[in-house]
């Protein structure tokens, strides 16, 4: 089950497998998926270092893990697979064409 606080009042959650070694190590250490916010307020630029996160959203967080500056780049591509068709929600680092090519029809 998923705590209702995680869904933000909705009925779905996003699942992301991070590439960052520290994020993966944390998941392995606890043996479960972790929930985390993006390092910015929706619509605002992403933060690249822990100090920026602390200023932008720190008071809303229980903890900040400082693993150095993030590599930056495009945001995650978000795909909705909850309906009868796969739908692009947000274009990002993985082009839609690459995702679409992997779909089993």
PDB file of N, CA and C in Angstrom:
ATOM      1  N   UNK A   1       0.842  -1.178   0.000  1.00  0.00           N
ATOM      2  CA  UNK A   1       0.000   0.000   0.000  1.00  0.00           C
ATOM      3  C   UNK A   1       0.884   1.236   0.000  1.00  0.00           C
ATOM      4  N   UNK A   2       0.301   2.329  -0.449  1.00  0.00           N
ATOM      5  CA  UNK A   2       1.032   3.590  -0.518  1.00  0.00           C
ATOM      6  C   UNK A   2       0.332   4.607   0.368  1.00  0.00           C
ATOM      7  N   UNK A   3       1.100   5.258   1.212  1.00  0.00           N
ATOM      8  CA  UNK A   3       0.559   6.286   2.079  1.00  0.00           C
ATOM      9  C   UNK A   3      -0.106   7.368   1.228  1.00  0.00           C
ATOM     10  N   UNK A   4      -1.317   7.797   1.585  1.00  0.00           N
ATOM     11  CA  UNK A   4      -2.008   8.831   0.802  1.00  0.00           C
ATOM     12  C   UNK A   4      -1.212  10.131   0.654  1.00  0.00           C
ATOM     13  N   UNK A   5      -0.325  10.398   1.578  1.00  0.00           N
ATOM     14  CA  UNK A   5       0.504  11.603   1.474  1.00  0.00           C
ATOM     15  C   UNK A   5       1.451  11.569   0.291  1.00  0.00           C
ATOM     16  N   UNK A   6       1.774  10.380  -0.172  1.00  0.00           N
ATOM     17  CA  UNK A   6       2.695  10.227  -1.298  1.00  0.00           C
ATOM     18  C   UNK A   6       2.020  10.576  -2.622  1.00  0.00           C
ATOM     19  N   UNK A   7       0.741  10.310  -2.727  1.00  0.00           N
ATOM     20  CA  UNK A   7       0.046  10.509  -4.003  1.00  0.00           C
ATOM     21  C   UNK A   7      -0.353  11.953  -4.245  1.00  0.00           C
ATOM     22  N   UNK A   8      -0.219  12.813  -3.254  1.00  0.00           N
ATOM     23  CA  UNK A   8      -0.592  14.207  -3.430  1.00  0.00           C
ATOM     24  C   UNK A   8      -2.056  14.390  -3.763  1.00  0.00           C
ATOM     25  N   UNK A   9      -2.898  13.490  -3.254  1.00  0.00           N
ATOM     26  CA  UNK A   9      -4.320  13.581  -3.517  1.00  0.00           C
ATOM     27  C   UNK A   9      -4.756  12.887  -4.792  1.00  0.00           C
ATOM     28  N   UNK A  10      -3.804  12.351  -5.527  1.00  0.00           N
ATOM     29  CA  UNK A  10      -4.131  11.652  -6.770  1.00  0.00           C
ATOM     30  C   UNK A  10      -4.262  10.162  -6.554  1.00  0.00           C
ATOM     31  N   UNK A  11      -4.262   9.442  -7.645  1.00  0.00           N
ATOM     32  CA  UNK A  11      -4.405   7.985  -7.578  1.00  0.00           C
ATOM     33  C   UNK A  11      -3.198   7.254  -8.152  1.00  0.00           C
ATOM     34  N   UNK A  12      -2.188   7.994  -8.578  1.00  0.00           N
ATOM     35  CA  UNK A  12      -1.007   7.365  -9.175  1.00  0.00           C
ATOM     36  C   UNK A  12       0.267   7.928  -8.546  1.00  0.00           C
ATOM     37  N   UNK A  13       1.359   7.231  -8.751  1.00  0.00           N
ATOM     38  CA  UNK A  13       2.675   7.717  -8.343  1.00  0.00           C
ATOM     39  C   UNK A  13       3.641   7.505  -9.496  1.00  0.00           C
ATOM     40  N   UNK A  14       4.672   8.302  -9.523  1.00  0.00           N
ATOM     41  CA  UNK A  14       5.728   8.126 -10.509  1.00  0.00           C
ATOM     42  C   UNK A  14       6.818   7.247  -9.935  1.00  0.00           C
ATOM     43  N   UNK A  15       7.366   6.369 -10.775  1.00  0.00           N
ATOM     44  CA  UNK A  15       8.457   5.484 -10.372  1.00  0.00           C
ATOM     45  C   UNK A  15       9.685   5.875 -11.193  1.00  0.00           C
ATOM     46  N   UNK A  16      10.792   6.068 -10.519  1.00  0.00           N
ATOM     47  CA  UNK A  16      12.026   6.450 -11.195  1.00  0.00           C
ATOM     48  C   UNK A  16      13.164   5.612 -10.643  1.00  0.00           C
ATOM     49  N   UNK A  17      13.991   5.109 -11.526  1.00  0.00           N
ATOM     50  CA  UNK A  17      15.190   4.387 -11.110  1.00  0.00           C
ATOM     51  C   UNK A  17      16.357   5.340 -11.330  1.00  0.00           C
ATOM     52  N   UNK A  18      16.952   5.830 -10.246  1.00  0.00           N
ATOM     53  CA  UNK A  18      18.006   6.835 -10.400  1.00  0.00           C
ATOM     54  C   UNK A  18      19.307   6.233 -10.912  1.00  0.00           C
ATOM     55  N   UNK A  19      20.058   7.044 -11.609  1.00  0.00           N
ATOM     56  CA  UNK A  19      21.376   6.622 -12.076  1.00  0.00           C
ATOM     57  C   UNK A  19      22.460   6.972 -11.049  1.00  0.00           C
ATOM     58  N   UNK A  20      22.161   7.878 -10.132  1.00  0.00           N
ATOM     59  CA  UNK A  20      23.169   8.364  -9.185  1.00  0.00           C
ATOM     60  C   UNK A  20      23.560   7.273  -8.190  1.00  0.00           C
ATOM     61  N   UNK A  21      24.848   7.092  -7.998  1.00  0.00           N
ATOM     62  CA  UNK A  21      25.370   6.023  -7.143  1.00  0.00           C
ATOM     63  C   UNK A  21      24.892   6.158  -5.695  1.00  0.00           C
ATOM     64  N   UNK A  22      24.791   7.369  -5.173  1.00  0.00           N
ATOM     65  CA  UNK A  22      24.363   7.561  -3.785  1.00  0.00           C
ATOM     66  C   UNK A  22      22.883   7.216  -3.639  1.00  0.00           C
ATOM     67  N   UNK A  23      22.053   7.656  -4.563  1.00  0.00           N
ATOM     68  CA  UNK A  23      20.623   7.337  -4.502  1.00  0.00           C
ATOM     69  C   UNK A  23      20.407   5.823  -4.572  1.00  0.00           C
ATOM     70  N   UNK A  24      21.125   5.162  -5.442  1.00  0.00           N
ATOM     71  CA  UNK A  24      21.000   3.705  -5.550  1.00  0.00           C
ATOM     72  C   UNK A  24      21.490   3.015  -4.280  1.00  0.00           C
ATOM     73  N   UNK A  25      22.560   3.521  -3.697  1.00  0.00           N
ATOM     74  CA  UNK A  25      23.084   2.934  -2.461  1.00  0.00           C
ATOM     75  C   UNK A  25      22.078   3.093  -1.322  1.00  0.00           C
ATOM     76  N   UNK A  26      21.418   4.228  -1.240  1.00  0.00           N
ATOM     77  CA  UNK A  26      20.398   4.430  -0.211  1.00  0.00           C
ATOM     78  C   UNK A  26      19.250   3.435  -0.378  1.00  0.00           C
ATOM     79  N   UNK A  27      18.801   3.235  -1.608  1.00  0.00           N
ATOM     80  CA  UNK A  27      17.720   2.271  -1.864  1.00  0.00           C
ATOM     81  C   UNK A  27      18.155   0.856  -1.473  1.00  0.00           C
ATOM     82  N   UNK A  28      19.388   0.494  -1.833  1.00  0.00           N
ATOM     83  CA  UNK A  28      19.890  -0.838  -1.457  1.00  0.00           C
ATOM     84  C   UNK A  28      19.989  -0.979   0.055  1.00  0.00           C
ATOM     85  N   UNK A  29      20.441   0.070   0.719  1.00  0.00           N
ATOM     86  CA  UNK A  29      20.639   0.013   2.166  1.00  0.00           C
ATOM     87  C   UNK A  29      19.331  -0.205   2.916  1.00  0.00           C
ATOM     88  N   UNK A  30      18.259   0.414   2.466  1.00  0.00           N
ATOM     89  CA  UNK A  30      16.984   0.250   3.157  1.00  0.00           C
ATOM     90  C   UNK A  30      16.188  -0.931   2.616  1.00  0.00           C
ATOM     91  N   UNK A  31      16.582  -1.429   1.449  1.00  0.00           N
ATOM     92  CA  UNK A  31      15.912  -2.593   0.877  1.00  0.00           C
ATOM     93  C   UNK A  31      14.509  -2.326   0.367  1.00  0.00           C
ATOM     94  N   UNK A  32      14.191  -1.067   0.170  1.00  0.00           N
ATOM     95  CA  UNK A  32      12.855  -0.672  -0.286  1.00  0.00           C
ATOM     96  C   UNK A  32      12.982   0.567  -1.166  1.00  0.00           C
ATOM     97  N   UNK A  33      11.934   0.843  -1.937  1.00  0.00           N
ATOM     98  CA  UNK A  33      11.942   2.118  -2.682  1.00  0.00           C
ATOM     99  C   UNK A  33      11.892   3.284  -1.705  1.00  0.00           C
ATOM    100  N   UNK A  34      12.450   4.391  -2.108  1.00  0.00           N
ATOM    101  CA  UNK A  34      12.417   5.607  -1.306  1.00  0.00           C
ATOM    102  C   UNK A  34      11.561   6.645  -2.010  1.00  0.00           C
ATOM    103  N   UNK A  35      10.907   7.469  -1.243  1.00  0.00           N
ATOM    104  CA  UNK A  35      10.190   8.595  -1.834  1.00  0.00           C
ATOM    105  C   UNK A  35      11.048   9.835  -1.653  1.00  0.00           C
ATOM    106  N   UNK A  36      10.982  10.693  -2.627  1.00  0.00           N
ATOM    107  CA  UNK A  36      11.753  11.929  -2.564  1.00  0.00           C
ATOM    108  C   UNK A  36      11.105  12.959  -3.468  1.00  0.00           C
ATOM    109  N   UNK A  37      11.276  14.194  -3.120  1.00  0.00           N
ATOM    110  CA  UNK A  37      10.782  15.278  -3.951  1.00  0.00           C
ATOM    111  C   UNK A  37      11.836  15.647  -4.981  1.00  0.00           C
ATOM    112  N   UNK A  38      11.410  16.327  -6.027  1.00  0.00           N
ATOM    113  CA  UNK A  38      12.385  16.950  -6.922  1.00  0.00           C
ATOM    114  C   UNK A  38      13.086  18.025  -6.121  1.00  0.00           C
ATOM    115  N   UNK A  39      14.244  18.433  -6.571  1.00  0.00           N
ATOM    116  CA  UNK A  39      15.014  19.431  -5.820  1.00  0.00           C
ATOM    117  C   UNK A  39      14.637  20.847  -6.232  1.00  0.00           C
ATOM    118  N   UNK A  40      13.342  21.047  -6.492  1.00  0.00           N
ATOM    119  CA  UNK A  40      12.854  22.377  -6.837  1.00  0.00           C
ATOM    120  C   UNK A  40      11.339  22.406  -6.682  1.00  0.00           C
ATOM    121  N   UNK A  41      10.796  23.599  -6.630  1.00  0.00           N
ATOM    122  CA  UNK A  41       9.352  23.777  -6.646  1.00  0.00           C
ATOM    123  C   UNK A  41       8.916  23.695  -8.100  1.00  0.00           C
ATOM    124  N   UNK A  42       7.811  23.031  -8.365  1.00  0.00           N
ATOM    125  CA  UNK A  42       7.320  22.861  -9.731  1.00  0.00           C
ATOM    126  C   UNK A  42       7.299  24.191 -10.476  1.00  0.00           C
ATOM    127  N   UNK A  43       7.897  24.189 -11.661  1.00  0.00           N
ATOM    128  CA  UNK A  43       7.940  25.400 -12.476  1.00  0.00           C
ATOM    129  C   UNK A  43       9.161  26.268 -12.232  1.00  0.00           C
ATOM    130  N   UNK A  44       9.926  25.966 -11.187  1.00  0.00           N
ATOM    131  CA  UNK A  44      11.139  26.726 -10.881  1.00  0.00           C
ATOM    132  C   UNK A  44      12.358  25.914 -11.319  1.00  0.00           C
ATOM    133  N   UNK A  45      13.493  26.577 -11.517  1.00  0.00           N
ATOM    134  CA  UNK A  45      14.695  25.853 -11.930  1.00  0.00           C
ATOM    135  C   UNK A  45      15.128  24.815 -10.886  1.00  0.00           C
ATOM    136  N   UNK A  46      15.707  23.732 -11.361  1.00  0.00           N
ATOM    137  CA  UNK A  46      16.225  22.695 -10.468  1.00  0.00           C
ATOM    138  C   UNK A  46      17.457  23.223  -9.737  1.00  0.00           C
ATOM    139  N   UNK A  47      17.657  22.740  -8.534  1.00  0.00           N
ATOM    140  CA  UNK A  47      18.833  23.116  -7.746  1.00  0.00           C
ATOM    141  C   UNK A  47      19.964  22.140  -8.052  1.00  0.00           C
ATOM    142  N   UNK A  48      21.191  22.638  -8.075  1.00  0.00           N
ATOM    143  CA  UNK A  48      22.334  21.799  -8.413  1.00  0.00           C
ATOM    144  C   UNK A  48      23.166  21.390  -7.203  1.00  0.00           C
ATOM    145  N   UNK A  49      23.012  22.109  -6.083  1.00  0.00           N
ATOM    146  CA  UNK A  49      23.789  21.798  -4.883  1.00  0.00           C
ATOM    147  C   UNK A  49      22.875  21.832  -3.663  1.00  0.00           C
ATOM    148  N   UNK A  50      23.267  21.144  -2.625  1.00  0.00           N
ATOM    149  CA  UNK A  50      22.443  21.016  -1.417  1.00  0.00           C
ATOM    150  C   UNK A  50      22.088  22.370  -0.799  1.00  0.00           C
ATOM    151  N   UNK A  51      23.001  23.327  -0.832  1.00  0.00           N
ATOM    152  CA  UNK A  51      22.710  24.640  -0.254  1.00  0.00           C
ATOM    153  C   UNK A  51      21.537  25.321  -0.966  1.00  0.00           C
ATOM    154  N   UNK A  52      21.454  25.153  -2.299  1.00  0.00           N
ATOM    155  CA  UNK A  52      20.334  25.730  -3.054  1.00  0.00           C
ATOM    156  C   UNK A  52      19.020  25.049  -2.679  1.00  0.00           C
ATOM    157  N   UNK A  53      19.075  23.731  -2.486  1.00  0.00           N
ATOM    158  CA  UNK A  53      17.881  22.982  -2.078  1.00  0.00           C
ATOM    159  C   UNK A  53      17.426  23.474  -0.705  1.00  0.00           C
ATOM    160  N   UNK A  54      18.354  23.656   0.194  1.00  0.00           N
ATOM    161  CA  UNK A  54      18.020  24.105   1.550  1.00  0.00           C
ATOM    162  C   UNK A  54      17.313  25.460   1.525  1.00  0.00           C
ATOM    163  N   UNK A  55      17.770  26.363   0.658  1.00  0.00           N
ATOM    164  CA  UNK A  55      17.143  27.682   0.562  1.00  0.00           C
ATOM    165  C   UNK A  55      15.758  27.571  -0.072  1.00  0.00           C
ATOM    166  N   UNK A  56      15.646  26.786  -1.152  1.00  0.00           N
ATOM    167  CA  UNK A  56      14.394  26.712  -1.911  1.00  0.00           C
ATOM    168  C   UNK A  56      13.294  25.933  -1.200  1.00  0.00           C
ATOM    169  N   UNK A  57      13.632  24.762  -0.673  1.00  0.00           N
ATOM    170  CA  UNK A  57      12.588  23.897  -0.096  1.00  0.00           C
ATOM    171  C   UNK A  57      12.989  23.229   1.207  1.00  0.00           C
ATOM    172  N   UNK A  58      14.129  23.584   1.738  1.00  0.00           N
ATOM    173  CA  UNK A  58      14.640  22.956   2.948  1.00  0.00           C
ATOM    174  C   UNK A  58      13.680  22.872   4.116  1.00  0.00           C
ATOM    175  N   UNK A  59      12.940  23.952   4.423  1.00  0.00           N
ATOM    176  CA  UNK A  59      12.012  23.889   5.564  1.00  0.00           C
ATOM    177  C   UNK A  59      10.918  22.834   5.408  1.00  0.00           C
ATOM    178  N   UNK A  60      10.672  22.386   4.191  1.00  0.00           N
ATOM    179  CA  UNK A  60       9.630  21.383   3.935  1.00  0.00           C
ATOM    180  C   UNK A  60      10.164  19.954   4.028  1.00  0.00           C
ATOM    181  N   UNK A  61      11.464  19.797   4.199  1.00  0.00           N
ATOM    182  CA  UNK A  61      12.090  18.475   4.144  1.00  0.00           C
ATOM    183  C   UNK A  61      12.551  17.994   5.513  1.00  0.00           C
ATOM    184  N   UNK A  62      12.510  16.676   5.690  1.00  0.00           N
ATOM    185  CA  UNK A  62      13.028  16.082   6.925  1.00  0.00           C
ATOM    186  C   UNK A  62      14.549  15.988   6.874  1.00  0.00           C
ATOM    187  N   UNK A  63      15.098  15.820   5.657  1.00  0.00           N
ATOM    188  CA  UNK A  63      16.546  15.670   5.524  1.00  0.00           C
ATOM    189  C   UNK A  63      16.973  16.020   4.106  1.00  0.00           C
ATOM    190  N   UNK A  64      18.224  16.402   3.969  1.00  0.00           N
ATOM    191  CA  UNK A  64      18.845  16.627   2.662  1.00  0.00           C
ATOM    192  C   UNK A  64      20.137  15.830   2.658  1.00  0.00           C
ATOM    193  N   UNK A  65      20.320  14.987   1.644  1.00  0.00           N
ATOM    194  CA  UNK A  65      21.558  14.233   1.492  1.00  0.00           C
ATOM    195  C   UNK A  65      22.440  15.013   0.517  1.00  0.00           C
ATOM    196  N   UNK A  66      23.594  15.434   0.990  1.00  0.00           N
ATOM    197  CA  UNK A  66      24.516  16.197   0.145  1.00  0.00           C
ATOM    198  C   UNK A  66      25.538  15.249  -0.453  1.00  0.00           C
ATOM    199  N   UNK A  67      25.365  14.943  -1.738  1.00  0.00           N
ATOM    200  CA  UNK A  67      26.305  14.067  -2.449  1.00  0.00           C
ATOM    201  C   UNK A  67      27.062  14.851  -3.510  1.00  0.00           C
ATOM    202  N   UNK A  68      27.204  16.149  -3.291  1.00  0.00           N
ATOM    203  CA  UNK A  68      27.923  16.996  -4.234  1.00  0.00           C
ATOM    204  C   UNK A  68      27.004  17.561  -5.304  1.00  0.00           C
ATOM    205  N   UNK A  69      27.594  18.323  -6.204  1.00  0.00           N
ATOM    206  CA  UNK A  69      26.822  18.961  -7.267  1.00  0.00           C
ATOM    207  C   UNK A  69      26.229  17.915  -8.201  1.00  0.00           C
ATOM    208  N   UNK A  70      24.983  18.140  -8.592  1.00  0.00           N
ATOM    209  CA  UNK A  70      24.333  17.231  -9.534  1.00  0.00           C
ATOM    210  C   UNK A  70      24.892  17.472 -10.929  1.00  0.00           C
ATOM    211  N   UNK A  71      24.832  16.438 -11.784  1.00  0.00           N
ATOM    212  CA  UNK A  71      25.373  16.616 -13.131  1.00  0.00           C
ATOM    213  C   UNK A  71      24.521  17.526 -14.013  1.00  0.00           C
ATOM    214  N   UNK A  72      23.292  17.789 -13.606  1.00  0.00           N
ATOM    215  CA  UNK A  72      22.427  18.651 -14.404  1.00  0.00           C
ATOM    216  C   UNK A  72      21.893  17.924 -15.627  1.00  0.00           C
ATOM    217  N   UNK A  73      21.453  18.681 -16.589  1.00  0.00           N
ATOM    218  CA  UNK A  73      20.910  18.092 -17.807  1.00  0.00           C
ATOM    219  C   UNK A  73      19.396  18.176 -17.836  1.00  0.00           C
ATOM    220  N   UNK A  74      18.835  17.495 -18.788  1.00  0.00           N
ATOM    221  CA  UNK A  74      17.383  17.515 -18.963  1.00  0.00           C
ATOM    222  C   UNK A  74      16.674  16.808 -17.814  1.00  0.00           C
ATOM    223  N   UNK A  75      15.438  17.182 -17.543  1.00  0.00           N
ATOM    224  CA  UNK A  75      14.664  16.485 -16.519  1.00  0.00           C
ATOM    225  C   UNK A  75      14.277  15.084 -17.002  1.00  0.00           C
ATOM    226  N   UNK A  76      13.751  14.299 -16.102  1.00  0.00           N
ATOM    227  CA  UNK A  76      13.297  12.950 -16.466  1.00  0.00           C
ATOM    228  C   UNK A  76      12.130  13.032 -17.444  1.00  0.00           C
ATOM    229  N   UNK A  77      12.106  12.098 -18.369  1.00  0.00           N
ATOM    230  CA  UNK A  77      10.942  11.942 -19.236  1.00  0.00           C
ATOM    231  C   UNK A  77       9.880  11.240 -18.404  1.00  0.00           C
ATOM    232  N   UNK A  78       8.653  11.735 -18.448  1.00  0.00           N
ATOM    233  CA  UNK A  78       7.571  11.125 -17.674  1.00  0.00           C
ATOM    234  C   UNK A  78       6.562  10.528 -18.639  1.00  0.00           C
ATOM    235  N   UNK A  79       6.261   9.249 -18.412  1.00  0.00           N
ATOM    236  CA  UNK A  79       5.328   8.512 -19.261  1.00  0.00           C
ATOM    237  C   UNK A  79       4.227   7.935 -18.392  1.00  0.00           C
ATOM    238  N   UNK A  80       2.988   8.105 -18.827  1.00  0.00           N
ATOM    239  CA  UNK A  80       1.823   7.553 -18.121  1.00  0.00           C
ATOM    240  C   UNK A  80       1.452   6.228 -18.762  1.00  0.00           C
ATOM    241  N   UNK A  81       1.511   5.160 -17.959  1.00  0.00           N
ATOM    242  CA  UNK A  81       1.172   3.819 -18.462  1.00  0.00           C
ATOM    243  C   UNK A  81      -0.061   3.268 -17.758  1.00  0.00           C
ATOM    244  N   UNK A  82      -0.859   4.155 -17.168  1.00  0.00           N
ATOM    245  CA  UNK A  82      -2.011   3.694 -16.395  1.00  0.00           C
ATOM    246  C   UNK A  82      -3.253   3.447 -17.238  1.00  0.00           C
ATOM    247  N   UNK A  83      -3.309   3.983 -18.435  1.00  0.00           N
ATOM    248  CA  UNK A  83      -4.496   3.828 -19.270  1.00  0.00           C
ATOM    249  C   UNK A  83      -4.303   2.776 -20.347  1.00  0.00           C
ATOM    250  N   UNK A  84      -5.197   2.780 -21.300  1.00  0.00           N
ATOM    251  CA  UNK A  84      -5.132   1.828 -22.398  1.00  0.00           C
ATOM    252  C   UNK A  84      -4.015   2.112 -23.384  1.00  0.00           C
ATOM    253  N   UNK A  85      -3.524   3.353 -23.397  1.00  0.00           N
ATOM    254  CA  UNK A  85      -2.413   3.714 -24.274  1.00  0.00           C
ATOM    255  C   UNK A  85      -1.326   4.388 -23.447  1.00  0.00           C
ATOM    256  N   UNK A  86      -0.099   4.262 -23.897  1.00  0.00           N
ATOM    257  CA  UNK A  86       1.026   4.915 -23.230  1.00  0.00           C
ATOM    258  C   UNK A  86       1.040   6.370 -23.693  1.00  0.00           C
ATOM    259  N   UNK A  87       1.192   7.283 -22.726  1.00  0.00           N
ATOM    260  CA  UNK A  87       1.091   8.706 -23.025  1.00  0.00           C
ATOM    261  C   UNK A  87       2.289   9.458 -22.471  1.00  0.00           C
ATOM    262  N   UNK A  88       2.877  10.324 -23.290  1.00  0.00           N
ATOM    263  CA  UNK A  88       3.972  11.180 -22.850  1.00  0.00           C
ATOM    264  C   UNK A  88       3.401  12.308 -22.004  1.00  0.00           C
ATOM    265  N   UNK A  89       3.880  12.417 -20.760  1.00  0.00           N
ATOM    266  CA  UNK A  89       3.431  13.473 -19.858  1.00  0.00           C
ATOM    267  C   UNK A  89       4.398  14.650 -19.923  1.00  0.00           C
ATOM    268  N   UNK A  90       5.708  14.355 -19.898  1.00  0.00           N
ATOM    269  CA  UNK A  90       6.719  15.410 -19.974  1.00  0.00           C
ATOM    270  C   UNK A  90       7.910  14.907 -20.773  1.00  0.00           C
ATOM    271  N   UNK A  91       8.280  15.651 -21.803  1.00  0.00           N
ATOM    272  CA  UNK A  91       9.482  15.323 -22.569  1.00  0.00           C
ATOM    273  C   UNK A  91      10.698  15.599 -21.699  1.00  0.00           C
ATOM    274  N   UNK A  92      11.708  14.757 -21.829  1.00  0.00           N
ATOM    275  CA  UNK A  92      12.899  14.940 -21.011  1.00  0.00           C
ATOM    276  C   UNK A  92      14.107  14.254 -21.608  1.00  0.00           C
ATOM    277  N   UNK A  93      14.928  13.676 -20.742  1.00  0.00           N
ATOM    278  CA  UNK A  93      16.222  13.130 -21.131  1.00  0.00           C
ATOM    279  C   UNK A  93      16.136  11.980 -22.131  1.00  0.00           C
ATOM    280  N   UNK A  94      15.120  11.157 -22.043  1.00  0.00           N
ATOM    281  CA  UNK A  94      14.961  10.053 -22.998  1.00  0.00           C
ATOM    282  C   UNK A  94      13.930  10.471 -24.030  1.00  0.00           C
ATOM    283  N   UNK A  95      14.316  10.577 -25.301  1.00  0.00           N
ATOM    284  CA  UNK A  95      13.381  11.017 -26.329  1.00  0.00           C
ATOM    285  C   UNK A  95      12.182  10.067 -26.461  1.00  0.00           C
ATOM    286  N   UNK A  96      11.023  10.643 -26.725  1.00  0.00           N
ATOM    287  CA  UNK A  96       9.800   9.860 -26.871  1.00  0.00           C
ATOM    288  C   UNK A  96       9.949   8.762 -27.924  1.00  0.00           C
ATOM    289  N   UNK A  97      10.655   9.035 -29.002  1.00  0.00           N
ATOM    290  CA  UNK A  97      10.863   8.032 -30.048  1.00  0.00           C
ATOM    291  C   UNK A  97      11.552   6.784 -29.520  1.00  0.00           C
ATOM    292  N   UNK A  98      12.521   6.957 -28.621  1.00  0.00           N
ATOM    293  CA  UNK A  98      13.216   5.800 -28.032  1.00  0.00           C
ATOM    294  C   UNK A  98      12.267   5.002 -27.128  1.00  0.00           C
ATOM    295  N   UNK A  99      11.437   5.700 -26.381  1.00  0.00           N
ATOM    296  CA  UNK A  99      10.479   5.019 -25.519  1.00  0.00           C
ATOM    297  C   UNK A  99       9.455   4.290 -26.374  1.00  0.00           C
ATOM    298  N   UNK A 100       8.919   4.990 -27.356  1.00  0.00           N
ATOM    299  CA  UNK A 100       7.900   4.409 -28.228  1.00  0.00           C
ATOM    300  C   UNK A 100       8.428   3.170 -28.941  1.00  0.00           C
ATOM    301  N   UNK A 101       9.690   3.171 -29.327  1.00  0.00           N
ATOM    302  CA  UNK A 101      10.291   2.034 -30.023  1.00  0.00           C
ATOM    303  C   UNK A 101      10.386   0.796 -29.134  1.00  0.00           C
ATOM    304  N   UNK A 102      10.360   0.982 -27.818  1.00  0.00           N
ATOM    305  CA  UNK A 102      10.472  -0.133 -26.883  1.00  0.00           C
ATOM    306  C   UNK A 102       9.100  -0.705 -26.490  1.00  0.00           C
ATOM    307  N   UNK A 103       8.037  -0.065 -26.889  1.00  0.00           N
ATOM    308  CA  UNK A 103       6.715  -0.504 -26.495  1.00  0.00           C
ATOM    309  C   UNK A 103       6.321  -1.774 -27.247  1.00  0.00           C
ATOM    310  N   UNK A 104       5.737  -2.701 -26.526  1.00  0.00           N
ATOM    311  CA  UNK A 104       5.206  -3.931 -27.125  1.00  0.00           C
ATOM    312  C   UNK A 104       3.767  -3.648 -27.486  1.00  0.00           C
ATOM    313  N   UNK A 105       3.442  -3.833 -28.747  1.00  0.00           N
ATOM    314  CA  UNK A 105       2.053  -3.555 -29.160  1.00  0.00           C
ATOM    315  C   UNK A 105       1.301  -4.823 -29.461  1.00  0.00           C
TER     316      UNK A 105
END
